[in-house]
Amino acid sequence: MSDLINLDDIDILHERKMKGDIEYLLIKFDGKLITDNVSNLTEELENIFEDEIIDTLLDLSNLRYVNSTGLSLLLTLWKKVINNNKKIIFFDLHPFMDELLKMTELNSKFLIKNDFETALDCLS
């Protein structure tokens, strides 16, 4: 079952799915990740991960803008998943996000794939 969260300037669709015997979380961002919505988004993400941290795929194809506060949120999310010995994979980056991650050199830290299928294959 998918859940849609509507916040100022951003929507988040999240869904727990299975690939064989591996459960993972698919999160799709649509909009802008900016100072005005980060605090509410942080709270929503804490609720999503409340029960347990699982492997996570982040679809960034419609994440059109991220400021430094939003980038900090992505780093916090990445760290939370990694510190629980799970995988977090960013995929289908919007051109803005692709350029931002290259400029900040986070592309060398994050696991980034071109599309959903390639990202999903990383879970096996």
PDB file of N, CA and C in Angstrom:
ATOM      1  N   MET A   1       0.822  -1.168   0.000  1.00  0.00           N
ATOM      2  CA  MET A   1       0.000   0.000   0.000  1.00  0.00           C
ATOM      3  C   MET A   1       0.882   1.254   0.000  1.00  0.00           C
ATOM      4  N   SER A   2       0.577   2.197  -0.859  1.00  0.00           N
ATOM      5  CA  SER A   2       1.314   3.453  -0.965  1.00  0.00           C
ATOM      6  C   SER A   2       0.682   4.504  -0.070  1.00  0.00           C
ATOM      7  N   ASP A   3       1.521   5.340   0.488  1.00  0.00           N
ATOM      8  CA  ASP A   3       1.051   6.482   1.261  1.00  0.00           C
ATOM      9  C   ASP A   3       1.623   7.741   0.644  1.00  0.00           C
ATOM     10  N   LEU A   4       0.773   8.742   0.473  1.00  0.00           N
ATOM     11  CA  LEU A   4       1.188  10.020  -0.089  1.00  0.00           C
ATOM     12  C   LEU A   4       1.138  11.076   1.001  1.00  0.00           C
ATOM     13  N   ILE A   5       2.248  11.794   1.152  1.00  0.00           N
ATOM     14  CA  ILE A   5       2.338  12.877   2.122  1.00  0.00           C
ATOM     15  C   ILE A   5       2.484  14.175   1.337  1.00  0.00           C
ATOM     16  N   ASN A   6       1.591  15.117   1.579  1.00  0.00           N
ATOM     17  CA  ASN A   6       1.638  16.426   0.921  1.00  0.00           C
ATOM     18  C   ASN A   6       2.132  17.466   1.915  1.00  0.00           C
ATOM     19  N   LEU A   7       3.248  18.102   1.569  1.00  0.00           N
ATOM     20  CA  LEU A   7       3.785  19.189   2.377  1.00  0.00           C
ATOM     21  C   LEU A   7       3.988  20.399   1.468  1.00  0.00           C
ATOM     22  N   ASP A   8       4.311  21.526   2.068  1.00  0.00           N
ATOM     23  CA  ASP A   8       4.585  22.719   1.265  1.00  0.00           C
ATOM     24  C   ASP A   8       5.701  22.426   0.268  1.00  0.00           C
ATOM     25  N   ASP A   9       5.438  22.603  -0.989  1.00  0.00           N
ATOM     26  CA  ASP A   9       6.416  22.500  -2.085  1.00  0.00           C
ATOM     27  C   ASP A   9       6.934  21.095  -2.353  1.00  0.00           C
ATOM     28  N   ILE A  10       6.457  20.078  -1.641  1.00  0.00           N
ATOM     29  CA  ILE A  10       6.954  18.723  -1.894  1.00  0.00           C
ATOM     30  C   ILE A  10       5.896  17.682  -1.530  1.00  0.00           C
ATOM     31  N   ASP A  11       5.843  16.628  -2.339  1.00  0.00           N
ATOM     32  CA  ASP A  11       5.032  15.451  -2.048  1.00  0.00           C
ATOM     33  C   ASP A  11       5.977  14.274  -1.895  1.00  0.00           C
ATOM     34  N   ILE A  12       5.638  13.376  -0.985  1.00  0.00           N
ATOM     35  CA  ILE A  12       6.433  12.165  -0.784  1.00  0.00           C
ATOM     36  C   ILE A  12       5.498  10.971  -0.853  1.00  0.00           C
ATOM     37  N   LEU A  13       5.794  10.081  -1.765  1.00  0.00           N
ATOM     38  CA  LEU A  13       5.062   8.827  -1.881  1.00  0.00           C
ATOM     39  C   LEU A  13       5.980   7.739  -1.340  1.00  0.00           C
ATOM     40  N   HIS A  14       5.499   6.955  -0.403  1.00  0.00           N
ATOM     41  CA  HIS A  14       6.326   5.874   0.130  1.00  0.00           C
ATOM     42  C   HIS A  14       5.525   4.584   0.196  1.00  0.00           C
ATOM     43  N   GLU A  15       6.254   3.497  -0.015  1.00  0.00           N
ATOM     44  CA  GLU A  15       5.609   2.187  -0.072  1.00  0.00           C
ATOM     45  C   GLU A  15       6.608   1.112   0.318  1.00  0.00           C
ATOM     46  N   ARG A  16       6.184   0.213   1.191  1.00  0.00           N
ATOM     47  CA  ARG A  16       7.000  -0.968   1.517  1.00  0.00           C
ATOM     48  C   ARG A  16       6.700  -2.038   0.477  1.00  0.00           C
ATOM     49  N   LYS A  17       7.760  -2.633  -0.058  1.00  0.00           N
ATOM     50  CA  LYS A  17       7.610  -3.636  -1.105  1.00  0.00           C
ATOM     51  C   LYS A  17       8.512  -4.823  -0.812  1.00  0.00           C
ATOM     52  N   MET A  18       8.349  -5.849  -1.604  1.00  0.00           N
ATOM     53  CA  MET A  18       9.171  -7.053  -1.468  1.00  0.00           C
ATOM     54  C   MET A  18       9.849  -7.369  -2.792  1.00  0.00           C
ATOM     55  N   LYS A  19      11.101  -7.825  -2.690  1.00  0.00           N
ATOM     56  CA  LYS A  19      11.812  -8.405  -3.828  1.00  0.00           C
ATOM     57  C   LYS A  19      12.302  -9.759  -3.329  1.00  0.00           C
ATOM     58  N   GLY A  20      11.600 -10.804  -3.727  1.00  0.00           N
ATOM     59  CA  GLY A  20      11.885 -12.115  -3.159  1.00  0.00           C
ATOM     60  C   GLY A  20      11.599 -12.075  -1.673  1.00  0.00           C
ATOM     61  N   ASP A  21      12.614 -12.380  -0.869  1.00  0.00           N
ATOM     62  CA  ASP A  21      12.426 -12.343   0.582  1.00  0.00           C
ATOM     63  C   ASP A  21      12.993 -11.062   1.210  1.00  0.00           C
ATOM     64  N   ILE A  22      13.347 -10.082   0.366  1.00  0.00           N
ATOM     65  CA  ILE A  22      13.903  -8.823   0.857  1.00  0.00           C
ATOM     66  C   ILE A  22      12.822  -7.746   0.862  1.00  0.00           C
ATOM     67  N   GLU A  23      12.563  -7.198   2.037  1.00  0.00           N
ATOM     68  CA  GLU A  23      11.625  -6.083   2.141  1.00  0.00           C
ATOM     69  C   GLU A  23      12.408  -4.787   1.972  1.00  0.00           C
ATOM     70  N   TYR A  24      11.825  -3.866   1.230  1.00  0.00           N
ATOM     71  CA  TYR A  24      12.474  -2.563   1.043  1.00  0.00           C
ATOM     72  C   TYR A  24      11.426  -1.472   1.025  1.00  0.00           C
ATOM     73  N   LEU A  25      11.917  -0.261   1.197  1.00  0.00           N
ATOM     74  CA  LEU A  25      11.070   0.919   1.194  1.00  0.00           C
ATOM     75  C   LEU A  25      11.388   1.736  -0.054  1.00  0.00           C
ATOM     76  N   LEU A  26      10.356   2.066  -0.809  1.00  0.00           N
ATOM     77  CA  LEU A  26      10.496   2.924  -1.977  1.00  0.00           C
ATOM     78  C   LEU A  26       9.929   4.290  -1.616  1.00  0.00           C
ATOM     79  N   ILE A  27      10.760   5.319  -1.749  1.00  0.00           N
ATOM     80  CA  ILE A  27      10.329   6.691  -1.464  1.00  0.00           C
ATOM     81  C   ILE A  27      10.534   7.520  -2.722  1.00  0.00           C
ATOM     82  N   LYS A  28       9.467   8.213  -3.146  1.00  0.00           N
ATOM     83  CA  LYS A  28       9.532   9.095  -4.308  1.00  0.00           C
ATOM     84  C   LYS A  28       9.283  10.525  -3.852  1.00  0.00           C
ATOM     85  N   PHE A  29      10.226  11.400  -4.179  1.00  0.00           N
ATOM     86  CA  PHE A  29      10.090  12.818  -3.863  1.00  0.00           C
ATOM     87  C   PHE A  29       9.604  13.551  -5.108  1.00  0.00           C
ATOM     88  N   ASP A  30       8.698  14.500  -4.914  1.00  0.00           N
ATOM     89  CA  ASP A  30       8.203  15.313  -6.021  1.00  0.00           C
ATOM     90  C   ASP A  30       8.109  16.761  -5.546  1.00  0.00           C
ATOM     91  N   GLY A  31       9.011  17.596  -6.035  1.00  0.00           N
ATOM     92  CA  GLY A  31       8.966  19.008  -5.657  1.00  0.00           C
ATOM     93  C   GLY A  31      10.310  19.541  -5.248  1.00  0.00           C
ATOM     94  N   LYS A  32      10.293  20.390  -4.221  1.00  0.00           N
ATOM     95  CA  LYS A  32      11.486  21.072  -3.742  1.00  0.00           C
ATOM     96  C   LYS A  32      11.725  20.724  -2.283  1.00  0.00           C
ATOM     97  N   LEU A  33      12.949  20.388  -1.971  1.00  0.00           N
ATOM     98  CA  LEU A  33      13.354  20.076  -0.602  1.00  0.00           C
ATOM     99  C   LEU A  33      14.083  21.308  -0.066  1.00  0.00           C
ATOM    100  N   ILE A  34      13.339  22.134   0.674  1.00  0.00           N
ATOM    101  CA  ILE A  34      13.861  23.433   1.098  1.00  0.00           C
ATOM    102  C   ILE A  34      13.613  23.652   2.593  1.00  0.00           C
ATOM    103  N   THR A  35      14.201  24.693   3.105  1.00  0.00           N
ATOM    104  CA  THR A  35      14.118  25.009   4.532  1.00  0.00           C
ATOM    105  C   THR A  35      12.683  25.006   5.041  1.00  0.00           C
ATOM    106  N   ASP A  36      11.760  25.542   4.241  1.00  0.00           N
ATOM    107  CA  ASP A  36      10.365  25.661   4.677  1.00  0.00           C
ATOM    108  C   ASP A  36       9.677  24.325   4.939  1.00  0.00           C
ATOM    109  N   ASN A  37      10.135  23.249   4.316  1.00  0.00           N
ATOM    110  CA  ASN A  37       9.443  21.971   4.501  1.00  0.00           C
ATOM    111  C   ASN A  37      10.285  20.894   5.175  1.00  0.00           C
ATOM    112  N   VAL A  38      11.556  21.177   5.462  1.00  0.00           N
ATOM    113  CA  VAL A  38      12.435  20.144   6.010  1.00  0.00           C
ATOM    114  C   VAL A  38      12.003  19.680   7.395  1.00  0.00           C
ATOM    115  N   SER A  39      11.576  20.579   8.250  1.00  0.00           N
ATOM    116  CA  SER A  39      11.209  20.141   9.596  1.00  0.00           C
ATOM    117  C   SER A  39       9.995  19.215   9.572  1.00  0.00           C
ATOM    118  N   ASN A  40       8.990  19.544   8.777  1.00  0.00           N
ATOM    119  CA  ASN A  40       7.831  18.648   8.646  1.00  0.00           C
ATOM    120  C   ASN A  40       8.214  17.345   7.969  1.00  0.00           C
ATOM    121  N   LEU A  41       9.066  17.426   6.969  1.00  0.00           N
ATOM    122  CA  LEU A  41       9.507  16.223   6.262  1.00  0.00           C
ATOM    123  C   LEU A  41      10.325  15.316   7.188  1.00  0.00           C
ATOM    124  N   THR A  42      11.163  15.910   8.013  1.00  0.00           N
ATOM    125  CA  THR A  42      11.948  15.131   8.973  1.00  0.00           C
ATOM    126  C   THR A  42      11.026  14.335   9.890  1.00  0.00           C
ATOM    127  N   GLU A  43       9.996  14.987  10.370  1.00  0.00           N
ATOM    128  CA  GLU A  43       9.017  14.323  11.240  1.00  0.00           C
ATOM    129  C   GLU A  43       8.314  13.179  10.495  1.00  0.00           C
ATOM    130  N   GLU A  44       7.921  13.421   9.261  1.00  0.00           N
ATOM    131  CA  GLU A  44       7.257  12.383   8.462  1.00  0.00           C
ATOM    132  C   GLU A  44       8.183  11.200   8.205  1.00  0.00           C
ATOM    133  N   LEU A  45       9.455  11.471   7.911  1.00  0.00           N
ATOM    134  CA  LEU A  45      10.405  10.381   7.665  1.00  0.00           C
ATOM    135  C   LEU A  45      10.667   9.586   8.944  1.00  0.00           C
ATOM    136  N   GLU A  46      10.707  10.255  10.082  1.00  0.00           N
ATOM    137  CA  GLU A  46      10.852   9.537  11.355  1.00  0.00           C
ATOM    138  C   GLU A  46       9.668   8.601  11.576  1.00  0.00           C
ATOM    139  N   ASN A  47       8.473   9.042  11.217  1.00  0.00           N
ATOM    140  CA  ASN A  47       7.291   8.184  11.327  1.00  0.00           C
ATOM    141  C   ASN A  47       7.389   6.986  10.385  1.00  0.00           C
ATOM    142  N   ILE A  48       7.876   7.212   9.177  1.00  0.00           N
ATOM    143  CA  ILE A  48       8.010   6.126   8.202  1.00  0.00           C
ATOM    144  C   ILE A  48       8.973   5.059   8.717  1.00  0.00           C
ATOM    145  N   PHE A  49      10.072   5.497   9.325  1.00  0.00           N
ATOM    146  CA  PHE A  49      11.091   4.565   9.803  1.00  0.00           C
ATOM    147  C   PHE A  49      10.893   4.177  11.266  1.00  0.00           C
ATOM    148  N   GLU A  50       9.754   4.519  11.828  1.00  0.00           N
ATOM    149  CA  GLU A  50       9.510   4.295  13.253  1.00  0.00           C
ATOM    150  C   GLU A  50       9.604   2.821  13.646  1.00  0.00           C
ATOM    151  N   ASP A  51       8.992   1.943  12.879  1.00  0.00           N
ATOM    152  CA  ASP A  51       8.962   0.521  13.238  1.00  0.00           C
ATOM    153  C   ASP A  51      10.321  -0.137  13.071  1.00  0.00           C
ATOM    154  N   GLU A  52      10.945   0.084  11.928  1.00  0.00           N
ATOM    155  CA  GLU A  52      12.266  -0.475  11.677  1.00  0.00           C
ATOM    156  C   GLU A  52      12.885   0.192  10.458  1.00  0.00           C
ATOM    157  N   ILE A  53      14.202   0.146  10.419  1.00  0.00           N
ATOM    158  CA  ILE A  53      14.948   0.667   9.267  1.00  0.00           C
ATOM    159  C   ILE A  53      15.158  -0.511   8.311  1.00  0.00           C
ATOM    160  N   ILE A  54      14.763  -0.328   7.059  1.00  0.00           N
ATOM    161  CA  ILE A  54      14.958  -1.376   6.050  1.00  0.00           C
ATOM    162  C   ILE A  54      15.670  -0.776   4.840  1.00  0.00           C
ATOM    163  N   ASP A  55      16.107  -1.649   3.928  1.00  0.00           N
ATOM    164  CA  ASP A  55      16.721  -1.171   2.695  1.00  0.00           C
ATOM    165  C   ASP A  55      15.789  -0.159   2.041  1.00  0.00           C
ATOM    166  N   THR A  56      16.379   0.890   1.476  1.00  0.00           N
ATOM    167  CA  THR A  56      15.588   2.004   0.973  1.00  0.00           C
ATOM    168  C   THR A  56      16.041   2.423  -0.414  1.00  0.00           C
ATOM    169  N   LEU A  57      15.078   2.624  -1.306  1.00  0.00           N
ATOM    170  CA  LEU A  57      15.337   3.158  -2.640  1.00  0.00           C
ATOM    171  C   LEU A  57      14.692   4.535  -2.722  1.00  0.00           C
ATOM    172  N   LEU A  58      15.473   5.536  -3.122  1.00  0.00           N
ATOM    173  CA  LEU A  58      14.979   6.910  -3.232  1.00  0.00           C
ATOM    174  C   LEU A  58      14.896   7.315  -4.692  1.00  0.00           C
ATOM    175  N   ASP A  59      13.696   7.547  -5.168  1.00  0.00           N
ATOM    176  CA  ASP A  59      13.462   8.017  -6.530  1.00  0.00           C
ATOM    177  C   ASP A  59      13.540   9.543  -6.510  1.00  0.00           C
ATOM    178  N   LEU A  60      14.570  10.092  -7.152  1.00  0.00           N
ATOM    179  CA  LEU A  60      14.790  11.537  -7.147  1.00  0.00           C
ATOM    180  C   LEU A  60      14.512  12.166  -8.501  1.00  0.00           C
ATOM    181  N   SER A  61      13.746  11.481  -9.334  1.00  0.00           N
ATOM    182  CA  SER A  61      13.474  11.983 -10.686  1.00  0.00           C
ATOM    183  C   SER A  61      12.683  13.281 -10.699  1.00  0.00           C
ATOM    184  N   ASN A  62      11.869  13.511  -9.673  1.00  0.00           N
ATOM    185  CA  ASN A  62      11.061  14.730  -9.617  1.00  0.00           C
ATOM    186  C   ASN A  62      11.444  15.645  -8.467  1.00  0.00           C
ATOM    187  N   LEU A  63      12.625  15.416  -7.912  1.00  0.00           N
ATOM    188  CA  LEU A  63      13.138  16.322  -6.891  1.00  0.00           C
ATOM    189  C   LEU A  63      13.899  17.420  -7.625  1.00  0.00           C
ATOM    190  N   ARG A  64      13.194  18.530  -7.855  1.00  0.00           N
ATOM    191  CA  ARG A  64      13.678  19.562  -8.764  1.00  0.00           C
ATOM    192  C   ARG A  64      14.620  20.579  -8.141  1.00  0.00           C
ATOM    193  N   TYR A  65      14.606  20.688  -6.826  1.00  0.00           N
ATOM    194  CA  TYR A  65      15.480  21.658  -6.177  1.00  0.00           C
ATOM    195  C   TYR A  65      15.729  21.218  -4.744  1.00  0.00           C
ATOM    196  N   VAL A  66      16.961  21.410  -4.288  1.00  0.00           N
ATOM    197  CA  VAL A  66      17.334  21.112  -2.910  1.00  0.00           C
ATOM    198  C   VAL A  66      18.286  22.215  -2.458  1.00  0.00           C
ATOM    199  N   ASN A  67      17.985  22.832  -1.297  1.00  0.00           N
ATOM    200  CA  ASN A  67      18.939  23.793  -0.750  1.00  0.00           C
ATOM    201  C   ASN A  67      19.797  23.075   0.290  1.00  0.00           C
ATOM    202  N   SER A  68      20.649  23.804   0.981  1.00  0.00           N
ATOM    203  CA  SER A  68      21.587  23.173   1.918  1.00  0.00           C
ATOM    204  C   SER A  68      20.871  22.444   3.052  1.00  0.00           C
ATOM    205  N   THR A  69      19.746  22.977   3.496  1.00  0.00           N
ATOM    206  CA  THR A  69      18.975  22.315   4.554  1.00  0.00           C
ATOM    207  C   THR A  69      18.395  20.995   4.044  1.00  0.00           C
ATOM    208  N   GLY A  70      17.910  20.990   2.818  1.00  0.00           N
ATOM    209  CA  GLY A  70      17.393  19.770   2.218  1.00  0.00           C
ATOM    210  C   GLY A  70      18.484  18.734   2.000  1.00  0.00           C
ATOM    211  N   LEU A  71      19.652  19.202   1.583  1.00  0.00           N
ATOM    212  CA  LEU A  71      20.787  18.302   1.392  1.00  0.00           C
ATOM    213  C   LEU A  71      21.188  17.673   2.722  1.00  0.00           C
ATOM    214  N   SER A  72      21.140  18.458   3.770  1.00  0.00           N
ATOM    215  CA  SER A  72      21.431  17.947   5.109  1.00  0.00           C
ATOM    216  C   SER A  72      20.447  16.849   5.502  1.00  0.00           C
ATOM    217  N   LEU A  73      19.176  17.028   5.143  1.00  0.00           N
ATOM    218  CA  LEU A  73      18.171  15.998   5.425  1.00  0.00           C
ATOM    219  C   LEU A  73      18.495  14.701   4.678  1.00  0.00           C
ATOM    220  N   LEU A  74      18.874  14.803   3.405  1.00  0.00           N
ATOM    221  CA  LEU A  74      19.236  13.605   2.643  1.00  0.00           C
ATOM    222  C   LEU A  74      20.438  12.907   3.266  1.00  0.00           C
ATOM    223  N   LEU A  75      21.416  13.677   3.731  1.00  0.00           N
ATOM    224  CA  LEU A  75      22.589  13.091   4.397  1.00  0.00           C
ATOM    225  C   LEU A  75      22.192  12.394   5.697  1.00  0.00           C
ATOM    226  N   THR A  76      21.307  13.011   6.457  1.00  0.00           N
ATOM    227  CA  THR A  76      20.837  12.412   7.711  1.00  0.00           C
ATOM    228  C   THR A  76      20.101  11.107   7.443  1.00  0.00           C
ATOM    229  N   LEU A  77      19.250  11.106   6.436  1.00  0.00           N
ATOM    230  CA  LEU A  77      18.529   9.896   6.057  1.00  0.00           C
ATOM    231  C   LEU A  77      19.500   8.805   5.628  1.00  0.00           C
ATOM    232  N   TRP A  78      20.465   9.166   4.787  1.00  0.00           N
ATOM    233  CA  TRP A  78      21.480   8.217   4.322  1.00  0.00           C
ATOM    234  C   TRP A  78      22.216   7.609   5.513  1.00  0.00           C
ATOM    235  N   LYS A  79      22.640   8.474   6.433  1.00  0.00           N
ATOM    236  CA  LYS A  79      23.399   8.011   7.587  1.00  0.00           C
ATOM    237  C   LYS A  79      22.566   7.083   8.471  1.00  0.00           C
ATOM    238  N   LYS A  80      21.299   7.428   8.658  1.00  0.00           N
ATOM    239  CA  LYS A  80      20.405   6.615   9.497  1.00  0.00           C
ATOM    240  C   LYS A  80      20.275   5.201   8.941  1.00  0.00           C
ATOM    241  N   VAL A  81      20.095   5.085   7.641  1.00  0.00           N
ATOM    242  CA  VAL A  81      19.939   3.769   7.016  1.00  0.00           C
ATOM    243  C   VAL A  81      21.265   3.002   7.049  1.00  0.00           C
ATOM    244  N   ILE A  82      22.349   3.657   6.672  1.00  0.00           N
ATOM    245  CA  ILE A  82      23.665   3.007   6.651  1.00  0.00           C
ATOM    246  C   ILE A  82      24.081   2.540   8.048  1.00  0.00           C
ATOM    247  N   ASN A  83      23.832   3.365   9.052  1.00  0.00           N
ATOM    248  CA  ASN A  83      24.211   3.005  10.422  1.00  0.00           C
ATOM    249  C   ASN A  83      23.422   1.829  10.971  1.00  0.00           C
ATOM    250  N   ASN A  84      22.343   1.457  10.303  1.00  0.00           N
ATOM    251  CA  ASN A  84      21.564   0.278  10.686  1.00  0.00           C
ATOM    252  C   ASN A  84      21.868  -0.910   9.784  1.00  0.00           C
ATOM    253  N   ASN A  85      23.024  -0.824   9.105  1.00  0.00           N
ATOM    254  CA  ASN A  85      23.509  -1.904   8.232  1.00  0.00           C
ATOM    255  C   ASN A  85      22.531  -2.254   7.123  1.00  0.00           C
ATOM    256  N   LYS A  86      21.856  -1.242   6.602  1.00  0.00           N
ATOM    257  CA  LYS A  86      20.942  -1.413   5.476  1.00  0.00           C
ATOM    258  C   LYS A  86      21.462  -0.600   4.300  1.00  0.00           C
ATOM    259  N   LYS A  87      20.902  -0.865   3.151  1.00  0.00           N
ATOM    260  CA  LYS A  87      21.311  -0.158   1.937  1.00  0.00           C
ATOM    261  C   LYS A  87      20.338   0.982   1.648  1.00  0.00           C
ATOM    262  N   ILE A  88      20.892   2.068   1.132  1.00  0.00           N
ATOM    263  CA  ILE A  88      20.068   3.161   0.630  1.00  0.00           C
ATOM    264  C   ILE A  88      20.612   3.516  -0.746  1.00  0.00           C
ATOM    265  N   ILE A  89      19.733   3.491  -1.732  1.00  0.00           N
ATOM    266  CA  ILE A  89      20.137   3.682  -3.124  1.00  0.00           C
ATOM    267  C   ILE A  89      19.328   4.821  -3.725  1.00  0.00           C
ATOM    268  N   PHE A  90      20.032   5.789  -4.251  1.00  0.00           N
ATOM    269  CA  PHE A  90      19.409   6.914  -4.940  1.00  0.00           C
ATOM    270  C   PHE A  90      19.333   6.542  -6.417  1.00  0.00           C
ATOM    271  N   PHE A  91      18.206   6.839  -7.069  1.00  0.00           N
ATOM    272  CA  PHE A  91      18.127   6.499  -8.490  1.00  0.00           C
ATOM    273  C   PHE A  91      17.305   7.516  -9.265  1.00  0.00           C
ATOM    274  N   ASP A  92      17.511   7.478 -10.573  1.00  0.00           N
ATOM    275  CA  ASP A  92      16.784   8.322 -11.528  1.00  0.00           C
ATOM    276  C   ASP A  92      16.828   9.794 -11.110  1.00  0.00           C
ATOM    277  N   LEU A  93      18.049  10.301 -10.931  1.00  0.00           N
ATOM    278  CA  LEU A  93      18.225  11.667 -10.444  1.00  0.00           C
ATOM    279  C   LEU A  93      17.747  12.703 -11.457  1.00  0.00           C
ATOM    280  N   HIS A  94      17.014  13.685 -10.964  1.00  0.00           N
ATOM    281  CA  HIS A  94      16.669  14.867 -11.751  1.00  0.00           C
ATOM    282  C   HIS A  94      18.003  15.534 -12.115  1.00  0.00           C
ATOM    283  N   PRO A  95      18.126  16.146 -13.290  1.00  0.00           N
ATOM    284  CA  PRO A  95      19.391  16.778 -13.679  1.00  0.00           C
ATOM    285  C   PRO A  95      19.942  17.751 -12.636  1.00  0.00           C
ATOM    286  N   PHE A  96      19.068  18.494 -11.961  1.00  0.00           N
ATOM    287  CA  PHE A  96      19.538  19.398 -10.909  1.00  0.00           C
ATOM    288  C   PHE A  96      20.224  18.607  -9.798  1.00  0.00           C
ATOM    289  N   MET A  97      19.603  17.504  -9.368  1.00  0.00           N
ATOM    290  CA  MET A  97      20.172  16.686  -8.295  1.00  0.00           C
ATOM    291  C   MET A  97      21.479  16.043  -8.717  1.00  0.00           C
ATOM    292  N   ASP A  98      21.531  15.577  -9.956  1.00  0.00           N
ATOM    293  CA  ASP A  98      22.749  14.976 -10.468  1.00  0.00           C
ATOM    294  C   ASP A  98      23.905  15.968 -10.385  1.00  0.00           C
ATOM    295  N   GLU A  99      23.666  17.187 -10.831  1.00  0.00           N
ATOM    296  CA  GLU A  99      24.693  18.232 -10.804  1.00  0.00           C
ATOM    297  C   GLU A  99      25.056  18.607  -9.369  1.00  0.00           C
ATOM    298  N   LEU A 100      24.068  18.734  -8.494  1.00  0.00           N
ATOM    299  CA  LEU A 100      24.315  19.093  -7.101  1.00  0.00           C
ATOM    300  C   LEU A 100      25.177  18.043  -6.400  1.00  0.00           C
ATOM    301  N   LEU A 101      24.862  16.773  -6.610  1.00  0.00           N
ATOM    302  CA  LEU A 101      25.637  15.713  -5.964  1.00  0.00           C
ATOM    303  C   LEU A 101      27.057  15.646  -6.506  1.00  0.00           C
ATOM    304  N   LYS A 102      27.236  15.968  -7.768  1.00  0.00           N
ATOM    305  CA  LYS A 102      28.592  16.031  -8.333  1.00  0.00           C
ATOM    306  C   LYS A 102      29.365  17.208  -7.742  1.00  0.00           C
ATOM    307  N   MET A 103      28.729  18.381  -7.669  1.00  0.00           N
ATOM    308  CA  MET A 103      29.398  19.582  -7.142  1.00  0.00           C
ATOM    309  C   MET A 103      29.808  19.401  -5.681  1.00  0.00           C
ATOM    310  N   THR A 104      28.997  18.717  -4.904  1.00  0.00           N
ATOM    311  CA  THR A 104      29.284  18.501  -3.483  1.00  0.00           C
ATOM    312  C   THR A 104      30.104  17.232  -3.253  1.00  0.00           C
ATOM    313  N   GLU A 105      30.369  16.512  -4.336  1.00  0.00           N
ATOM    314  CA  GLU A 105      31.107  15.240  -4.315  1.00  0.00           C
ATOM    315  C   GLU A 105      30.396  14.160  -3.506  1.00  0.00           C
ATOM    316  N   LEU A 106      29.110  14.341  -3.280  1.00  0.00           N
ATOM    317  CA  LEU A 106      28.330  13.299  -2.608  1.00  0.00           C
ATOM    318  C   LEU A 106      28.037  12.134  -3.541  1.00  0.00           C
ATOM    319  N   ASN A 107      28.221  12.339  -4.836  1.00  0.00           N
ATOM    320  CA  ASN A 107      28.031  11.238  -5.778  1.00  0.00           C
ATOM    321  C   ASN A 107      29.032  10.114  -5.508  1.00  0.00           C
ATOM    322  N   SER A 108      30.160  10.438  -4.869  1.00  0.00           N
ATOM    323  CA  SER A 108      31.136   9.390  -4.541  1.00  0.00           C
ATOM    324  C   SER A 108      30.796   8.696  -3.219  1.00  0.00           C
ATOM    325  N   LYS A 109      29.922   9.288  -2.433  1.00  0.00           N
ATOM    326  CA  LYS A 109      29.516   8.719  -1.146  1.00  0.00           C
ATOM    327  C   LYS A 109      28.232   7.903  -1.277  1.00  0.00           C
ATOM    328  N   PHE A 110      27.260   8.457  -2.002  1.00  0.00           N
ATOM    329  CA  PHE A 110      25.967   7.797  -2.173  1.00  0.00           C
ATOM    330  C   PHE A 110      26.043   6.727  -3.253  1.00  0.00           C
ATOM    331  N   LEU A 111      25.253   5.687  -3.098  1.00  0.00           N
ATOM    332  CA  LEU A 111      25.087   4.682  -4.149  1.00  0.00           C
ATOM    333  C   LEU A 111      23.983   5.191  -5.064  1.00  0.00           C
ATOM    334  N   ILE A 112      24.350   5.508  -6.310  1.00  0.00           N
ATOM    335  CA  ILE A 112      23.432   6.122  -7.264  1.00  0.00           C
ATOM    336  C   ILE A 112      23.320   5.228  -8.493  1.00  0.00           C
ATOM    337  N   LYS A 113      22.080   4.971  -8.897  1.00  0.00           N
ATOM    338  CA  LYS A 113      21.818   4.164 -10.085  1.00  0.00           C
ATOM    339  C   LYS A 113      20.938   4.940 -11.047  1.00  0.00           C
ATOM    340  N   ASN A 114      20.966   4.537 -12.309  1.00  0.00           N
ATOM    341  CA  ASN A 114      20.232   5.278 -13.341  1.00  0.00           C
ATOM    342  C   ASN A 114      18.726   5.075 -13.278  1.00  0.00           C
ATOM    343  N   ASP A 115      18.283   3.877 -12.879  1.00  0.00           N
ATOM    344  CA  ASP A 115      16.853   3.590 -12.934  1.00  0.00           C
ATOM    345  C   ASP A 115      16.449   2.638 -11.813  1.00  0.00           C
ATOM    346  N   PHE A 116      15.152   2.454 -11.679  1.00  0.00           N
ATOM    347  CA  PHE A 116      14.594   1.623 -10.611  1.00  0.00           C
ATOM    348  C   PHE A 116      15.103   0.189 -10.673  1.00  0.00           C
ATOM    349  N   GLU A 117      15.064  -0.422 -11.847  1.00  0.00           N
ATOM    350  CA  GLU A 117      15.478  -1.831 -11.967  1.00  0.00           C
ATOM    351  C   GLU A 117      16.921  -2.035 -11.540  1.00  0.00           C
ATOM    352  N   THR A 118      17.799  -1.151 -11.962  1.00  0.00           N
ATOM    353  CA  THR A 118      19.216  -1.253 -11.577  1.00  0.00           C
ATOM    354  C   THR A 118      19.382  -1.057 -10.077  1.00  0.00           C
ATOM    355  N   ALA A 119      18.629  -0.116  -9.518  1.00  0.00           N
ATOM    356  CA  ALA A 119      18.677   0.101  -8.074  1.00  0.00           C
ATOM    357  C   ALA A 119      18.161  -1.124  -7.333  1.00  0.00           C
ATOM    358  N   LEU A 120      17.069  -1.694  -7.813  1.00  0.00           N
ATOM    359  CA  LEU A 120      16.493  -2.869  -7.177  1.00  0.00           C
ATOM    360  C   LEU A 120      17.454  -4.052  -7.212  1.00  0.00           C
ATOM    361  N   ASP A 121      18.197  -4.198  -8.301  1.00  0.00           N
ATOM    362  CA  ASP A 121      19.168  -5.287  -8.426  1.00  0.00           C
ATOM    363  C   ASP A 121      20.254  -5.204  -7.347  1.00  0.00           C
ATOM    364  N   CYS A 122      20.517  -4.015  -6.830  1.00  0.00           N
ATOM    365  CA  CYS A 122      21.537  -3.834  -5.801  1.00  0.00           C
ATOM    366  C   CYS A 122      21.124  -4.435  -4.447  1.00  0.00           C
ATOM    367  N   LEU A 123      19.848  -4.735  -4.301  1.00  0.00           N
ATOM    368  CA  LEU A 123      19.377  -5.296  -3.042  1.00  0.00           C
ATOM    369  C   LEU A 123      19.651  -6.785  -2.908  1.00  0.00           C
ATOM    370  N   SER A 124      19.942  -7.443  -4.027  1.00  0.00           N
ATOM    371  CA  SER A 124      20.170  -8.893  -3.946  1.00  0.00           C
ATOM    372  C   SER A 124      21.523  -9.212  -3.371  1.00  0.00           C
TER     373      SER A 124
END
